[in-house]
C-alpha atoms as a PDB file:
ATOM      1  CA  MET A   1     -37.733 -38.307  93.428  1.00  0.00           C
ATOM      2  CA  THR A   2     -41.073 -36.730  94.110  1.00  0.00           C
ATOM      3  CA  ALA A   3     -43.083 -34.042  92.418  1.00  0.00           C
ATOM      4  CA  ARG A   4     -42.021 -31.748  95.320  1.00  0.00           C
ATOM      5  CA  SER A   5     -38.384 -31.756  94.200  1.00  0.00           C
ATOM      6  CA  GLY A   6     -36.989 -28.248  93.877  1.00  0.00           C
ATOM      7  CA  GLU A   7     -39.812 -26.528  95.787  1.00  0.00           C
ATOM      8  CA  PRO A   8     -38.690 -24.303  98.647  1.00  0.00           C
ATOM      9  CA  PHE A   9     -40.118 -25.293 102.023  1.00  0.00           C
ATOM     10  CA  ASP A  10     -43.061 -23.295 103.330  1.00  0.00           C
ATOM     11  CA  ALA A  11     -44.841 -24.619 106.431  1.00  0.00           C
ATOM     12  CA  GLY A  12     -48.112 -22.892 105.501  1.00  0.00           C
ATOM     13  CA  ARG A  13     -48.092 -24.363 101.983  1.00  0.00           C
ATOM     14  CA  ALA A  14     -47.202 -27.826 103.305  1.00  0.00           C
ATOM     15  CA  ALA A  15     -50.030 -27.641 105.868  1.00  0.00           C
ATOM     16  CA  SER A  16     -52.425 -26.546 103.103  1.00  0.00           C
ATOM     17  CA  VAL A  17     -51.468 -29.624 101.055  1.00  0.00           C
ATOM     18  CA  VAL A  18     -52.208 -31.849 104.054  1.00  0.00           C
ATOM     19  CA  LEU A  19     -55.531 -30.086 104.718  1.00  0.00           C
ATOM     20  CA  ALA A  20     -56.553 -30.376 101.057  1.00  0.00           C
ATOM     21  CA  HIS A  21     -55.948 -34.139 101.064  1.00  0.00           C
ATOM     22  CA  LEU A  22     -57.729 -34.439 104.395  1.00  0.00           C
ATOM     23  CA  ALA A  23     -60.842 -32.875 102.843  1.00  0.00           C
ATOM     24  CA  GLY A  24     -60.776 -35.256  99.866  1.00  0.00           C
ATOM     25  CA  PRO A  25     -61.818 -38.876  99.531  1.00  0.00           C
ATOM     26  CA  VAL A  26     -59.884 -41.763 101.024  1.00  0.00           C
ATOM     27  CA  PRO A  27     -60.493 -45.112  99.292  1.00  0.00           C
ATOM     28  CA  PRO A  28     -62.256 -47.527 101.670  1.00  0.00           C
ATOM     29  CA  THR A  29     -60.946 -50.602  99.812  1.00  0.00           C
ATOM     30  CA  GLY A  30     -58.856 -51.554  96.850  1.00  0.00           C
ATOM     31  CA  PRO A  31     -55.271 -52.195  95.925  1.00  0.00           C
ATOM     32  CA  THR A  32     -52.430 -49.862  96.818  1.00  0.00           C
ATOM     33  CA  ALA A  33     -51.454 -47.770  93.803  1.00  0.00           C
ATOM     34  CA  ASP A  34     -48.936 -44.996  93.169  1.00  0.00           C
ATOM     35  CA  GLU A  35     -49.713 -41.884  91.184  1.00  0.00           C
ATOM     36  CA  GLY A  36     -47.106 -39.770  89.452  1.00  0.00           C
ATOM     37  CA  GLU A  37     -46.598 -36.497  87.649  1.00  0.00           C
ATOM     38  CA  PRO A  38     -47.893 -37.105  84.092  1.00  0.00           C
ATOM     39  CA  VAL A  39     -44.777 -35.834  82.312  1.00  0.00           C
ATOM     40  CA  THR A  40     -41.947 -36.871  84.666  1.00  0.00           C
ATOM     41  CA  GLY A  41     -43.533 -39.788  86.509  1.00  0.00           C
ATOM     42  CA  GLU A  42     -42.292 -38.364  89.825  1.00  0.00           C
ATOM     43  CA  TRP A  43     -44.250 -39.648  92.826  1.00  0.00           C
ATOM     44  CA  THR A  44     -47.227 -37.509  93.865  1.00  0.00           C
ATOM     45  CA  LEU A  45     -49.497 -39.838  95.863  1.00  0.00           C
ATOM     46  CA  THR A  46     -50.097 -43.413  96.953  1.00  0.00           C
ATOM     47  CA  ARG A  47     -53.679 -44.560  97.525  1.00  0.00           C
ATOM     48  CA  GLY A  48     -54.535 -47.681  99.472  1.00  0.00           C
ATOM     49  CA  ALA A  49     -57.381 -49.206 101.417  1.00  0.00           C
ATOM     50  CA  GLY A  50     -58.188 -46.539 103.990  1.00  0.00           C
ATOM     51  CA  PHE A  51     -55.208 -44.228 103.444  1.00  0.00           C
ATOM     52  CA  LEU A  52     -53.367 -41.671 101.306  1.00  0.00           C
ATOM     53  CA  LEU A  53     -49.588 -41.167 101.456  1.00  0.00           C
ATOM     54  CA  PHE A  54     -47.941 -38.217  99.718  1.00  0.00           C
ATOM     55  CA  PRO A  55     -44.840 -36.013  99.789  1.00  0.00           C
ATOM     56  CA  VAL A  56     -45.100 -32.418 101.031  1.00  0.00           C
ATOM     57  CA  TRP A  57     -41.412 -31.460 100.722  1.00  0.00           C
ATOM     58  CA  GLU A  58     -38.196 -32.888  99.274  1.00  0.00           C
ATOM     59  CA  SER A  59     -34.631 -31.692  99.838  1.00  0.00           C
ATOM     60  CA  ASP A  60     -31.963 -31.573  97.193  1.00  0.00           C
ATOM     61  CA  PRO A  61     -30.218 -34.909  96.632  1.00  0.00           C
ATOM     62  CA  LEU A  62     -27.348 -35.439  99.048  1.00  0.00           C
ATOM     63  CA  THR A  63     -24.987 -37.077  96.555  1.00  0.00           C
ATOM     64  CA  GLY A  64     -21.452 -36.098  97.533  1.00  0.00           C
ATOM     65  CA  VAL A  65     -22.630 -34.297 100.682  1.00  0.00           C
ATOM     66  CA  TYR A  66     -20.747 -35.321 103.820  1.00  0.00           C
ATOM     67  CA  GLY A  67     -19.695 -34.107 107.251  1.00  0.00           C
ATOM     68  CA  ARG A  68     -20.827 -30.665 108.281  1.00  0.00           C
ATOM     69  CA  ALA A  69     -22.831 -30.064 105.087  1.00  0.00           C
ATOM     70  CA  TRP A  70     -24.772 -33.320 105.593  1.00  0.00           C
ATOM     71  CA  ASN A  71     -25.423 -32.442 109.266  1.00  0.00           C
ATOM     72  CA  GLU A  72     -26.688 -29.015 108.191  1.00  0.00           C
ATOM     73  CA  ALA A  73     -28.984 -30.581 105.565  1.00  0.00           C
ATOM     74  CA  GLU A  74     -30.362 -32.963 108.180  1.00  0.00           C
ATOM     75  CA  ALA A  75     -30.863 -30.130 110.698  1.00  0.00           C
ATOM     76  CA  THR A  76     -32.674 -28.080 108.040  1.00  0.00           C
ATOM     77  CA  ALA A  77     -34.992 -30.997 107.210  1.00  0.00           C
ATOM     78  CA  GLU A  78     -35.718 -31.579 110.906  1.00  0.00           C
ATOM     79  CA  ALA A  79     -36.471 -27.849 111.340  1.00  0.00           C
ATOM     80  CA  HIS A  80     -38.909 -28.061 108.410  1.00  0.00           C
ATOM     81  CA  LEU A  81     -40.693 -30.995 110.059  1.00  0.00           C
ATOM     82  CA  THR A  82     -40.812 -29.084 113.352  1.00  0.00           C
ATOM     83  CA  ALA A  83     -42.303 -26.036 111.614  1.00  0.00           C
ATOM     84  CA  LEU A  84     -44.932 -28.158 109.832  1.00  0.00           C
ATOM     85  CA  THR A  85     -45.758 -29.944 113.093  1.00  0.00           C
ATOM     86  CA  ALA A  86     -46.235 -26.588 114.853  1.00  0.00           C
ATOM     87  CA  GLU A  87     -48.489 -25.394 112.013  1.00  0.00           C
ATOM     88  CA  LEU A  88     -50.628 -28.526 112.226  1.00  0.00           C
ATOM     89  CA  ASP A  89     -50.691 -28.328 116.058  1.00  0.00           C
ATOM     90  CA  ARG A  90     -52.283 -24.881 115.597  1.00  0.00           C
ATOM     91  CA  HIS A  91     -55.029 -26.492 113.493  1.00  0.00           C
ATOM     92  CA  TRP A  92     -55.661 -29.644 115.517  1.00  0.00           C
ATOM     93  CA  GLY A  93     -54.029 -29.323 118.911  1.00  0.00           C
ATOM     94  CA  PRO A  94     -51.229 -31.420 120.345  1.00  0.00           C
ATOM     95  CA  HIS A  95     -49.880 -34.364 118.397  1.00  0.00           C
ATOM     96  CA  ARG A  96     -48.570 -37.717 119.561  1.00  0.00           C
ATOM     97  CA  THR A  97     -45.740 -39.850 118.186  1.00  0.00           C
ATOM     98  CA  VAL A  98     -46.068 -43.340 116.763  1.00  0.00           C
ATOM     99  CA  PRO A  99     -42.571 -44.854 116.570  1.00  0.00           C
ATOM    100  CA  LEU A 100     -41.829 -47.021 113.575  1.00  0.00           C
ATOM    101  CA  HIS A 101     -39.110 -49.233 115.059  1.00  0.00           C
ATOM    102  CA  LEU A 102     -41.591 -52.023 115.805  1.00  0.00           C
ATOM    103  CA  PRO A 103     -43.190 -52.047 112.343  1.00  0.00           C
ATOM    104  CA  LEU A 104     -39.718 -52.110 110.777  1.00  0.00           C
ATOM    105  CA  LEU A 105     -38.665 -55.073 112.915  1.00  0.00           C
ATOM    106  CA  ARG A 106     -41.948 -56.812 112.250  1.00  0.00           C
ATOM    107  CA  GLY A 107     -41.531 -56.278 108.514  1.00  0.00           C
ATOM    108  CA  ARG A 108     -38.314 -58.306 108.646  1.00  0.00           C
ATOM    109  CA  THR A 109     -40.107 -61.349 110.076  1.00  0.00           C
ATOM    110  CA  ALA A 110     -42.667 -63.680 108.601  1.00  0.00           C
ATOM    111  CA  GLN A 111     -45.437 -61.613 110.192  1.00  0.00           C
ATOM    112  CA  PRO A 112     -47.049 -59.302 107.647  1.00  0.00           C
ATOM    113  CA  LEU A 113     -47.282 -55.590 108.313  1.00  0.00           C
ATOM    114  CA  PRO A 114     -50.774 -54.107 108.315  1.00  0.00           C
ATOM    115  CA  GLU A 115     -51.535 -51.159 106.069  1.00  0.00           C
ATOM    116  CA  PRO A 116     -50.530 -48.370 105.993  1.00  0.00           C
ATOM    117  CA  PHE A 117     -47.260 -49.615 107.565  1.00  0.00           C
ATOM    118  CA  ARG A 118     -46.648 -52.007 104.662  1.00  0.00           C
ATOM    119  CA  THR A 119     -46.754 -49.101 102.218  1.00  0.00           C
ATOM    120  CA  LEU A 120     -44.689 -46.818 104.474  1.00  0.00           C
ATOM    121  CA  SER A 121     -42.000 -49.502 104.576  1.00  0.00           C
ATOM    122  CA  ALA A 122     -42.185 -50.137 100.816  1.00  0.00           C
ATOM    123  CA  LYS A 123     -41.758 -46.394 100.179  1.00  0.00           C
ATOM    124  CA  ASP A 124     -38.777 -46.188 102.583  1.00  0.00           C
ATOM    125  CA  CYS A 125     -40.811 -43.948 104.891  1.00  0.00           C
ATOM    126  CA  HIS A 126     -39.200 -45.125 108.105  1.00  0.00           C
ATOM    127  CA  GLY A 127     -39.379 -41.933 110.155  1.00  0.00           C
ATOM    128  CA  ASP A 128     -41.503 -41.911 113.299  1.00  0.00           C
ATOM    129  CA  LEU A 129     -45.015 -40.615 112.679  1.00  0.00           C
ATOM    130  CA  THR A 130     -46.238 -37.381 114.219  1.00  0.00           C
ATOM    131  CA  VAL A 131     -49.987 -38.097 114.513  1.00  0.00           C
ATOM    132  CA  TRP A 132     -53.222 -36.165 115.072  1.00  0.00           C
ATOM    133  CA  GLY A 133     -56.713 -37.562 115.333  1.00  0.00           C
ATOM    134  CA  PRO A 134     -59.392 -38.390 115.218  1.00  0.00           C
ATOM    135  CA  LEU A 135     -59.854 -35.049 113.510  1.00  0.00           C
ATOM    136  CA  PRO A 136     -63.128 -33.129 113.367  1.00  0.00           C
ATOM    137  CA  GLY A 137     -65.201 -33.642 110.254  1.00  0.00           C
ATOM    138  CA  ALA A 138     -67.954 -35.704 108.726  1.00  0.00           C
ATOM    139  CA  ALA A 139     -65.816 -38.836 108.415  1.00  0.00           C
ATOM    140  CA  PRO A 140     -63.272 -39.831 111.039  1.00  0.00           C
ATOM    141  CA  ARG A 141     -59.750 -39.116 109.833  1.00  0.00           C
ATOM    142  CA  TRP A 142     -56.246 -39.262 111.258  1.00  0.00           C
ATOM    143  CA  ALA A 143     -53.261 -37.393 109.873  1.00  0.00           C
ATOM    144  CA  ALA A 144     -49.539 -37.942 110.298  1.00  0.00           C
ATOM    145  CA  VAL A 145     -46.283 -36.464 108.999  1.00  0.00           C
ATOM    146  CA  SER A 146     -42.757 -37.847 109.049  1.00  0.00           C
ATOM    147  CA  LEU A 147     -39.240 -37.139 107.843  1.00  0.00           C
ATOM    148  CA  ASN A 148     -37.714 -39.886 105.719  1.00  0.00           C
ATOM    149  CA  GLN A 149     -34.611 -40.727 103.737  1.00  0.00           C
ATOM    150  CA  SER A 150     -34.162 -43.948 101.787  1.00  0.00           C
ATOM    151  CA  ASP A 151     -30.339 -43.874 101.858  1.00  0.00           C
ATOM    152  CA  GLY A 152     -27.442 -41.504 102.553  1.00  0.00           C
ATOM    153  CA  ASP A 153     -27.377 -39.907  99.097  1.00  0.00           C
ATOM    154  CA  ALA A 154     -31.139 -39.685  98.588  1.00  0.00           C
ATOM    155  CA  PRO A 155     -33.089 -36.509  99.297  1.00  0.00           C
ATOM    156  CA  MET A 156     -34.811 -36.130 102.651  1.00  0.00           C
ATOM    157  CA  ILE A 157     -38.575 -36.163 102.219  1.00  0.00           C
ATOM    158  CA  ILE A 158     -41.387 -35.031 104.478  1.00  0.00           C
ATOM    159  CA  THR A 159     -44.424 -37.183 103.832  1.00  0.00           C
ATOM    160  CA  ALA A 160     -47.987 -36.963 105.056  1.00  0.00           C
ATOM    161  CA  LEU A 161     -50.395 -39.799 105.724  1.00  0.00           C
ATOM    162  CA  ILE A 162     -54.177 -39.425 105.838  1.00  0.00           C
ATOM    163  CA  SER A 163     -56.013 -42.425 107.248  1.00  0.00           C
ATOM    164  CA  ALA A 164     -59.644 -43.417 107.691  1.00  0.00           C
ATOM    165  CA  ARG A 165     -58.509 -45.676 110.551  1.00  0.00           C
ATOM    166  CA  PRO A 166     -56.642 -44.877 113.767  1.00  0.00           C
ATOM    167  CA  ILE A 167     -52.879 -44.613 113.331  1.00  0.00           C
ATOM    168  CA  THR A 168     -51.445 -46.634 116.184  1.00  0.00           C
ATOM    169  CA  GLU A 169     -48.331 -48.713 116.658  1.00  0.00           C
ATOM    170  CA  PRO A 170     -48.963 -52.261 115.420  1.00  0.00           C
ATOM    171  CA  ALA A 171     -49.153 -55.030 117.989  1.00  0.00           C
ATOM    172  CA  ALA A 172     -45.909 -56.448 119.329  1.00  0.00           C
ATOM    173  CA  LEU A 173     -44.098 -59.197 117.484  1.00  0.00           C
ATOM    174  CA  ASP A 174     -45.177 -62.726 118.202  1.00  0.00           C
ATOM    175  CA  ARG A 175     -41.857 -64.036 119.534  1.00  0.00           C
ATOM    176  CA  ARG A 176     -43.053 -67.662 119.518  1.00  0.00           C
ATOM    177  CA  ARG A 177     -42.320 -68.019 115.792  1.00  0.00           C
END
């Protein structure tokens, strides 16, 4: 669960959350650490060396939701991501996609994932990244959003990633191992 649980989706509000984090500091070094809502402990942000990861929307849990109702919930979540992407395209221009299939495969081998992919995988954020950047500003920044779900009953979550480094697909697996 995230601190966004129960909030209705609003593309303008979600874009504002992304823009606010983009304007703030990104730690250049240090360990990866989660932050949570003080009272409930629900996830609000993860900080790591060169990145921030945070939720911007969370659906209702999908416990006991199947068939048509599950398909409708998934379509709604995908429409929310599309609306947020369009809003951010208006701010920054066209986006590009960074698929996460390679980082997921790489994470299952002995080869370590680089950050922020290690944290995305640890947080079950396996959706392809919709990426913009480098973005205008004093410090180079890249931004990405994705739709994620950790398992079939869990809520769908739209997350945002702010990075001080380019967000690109990690190098191919070394198949010699």
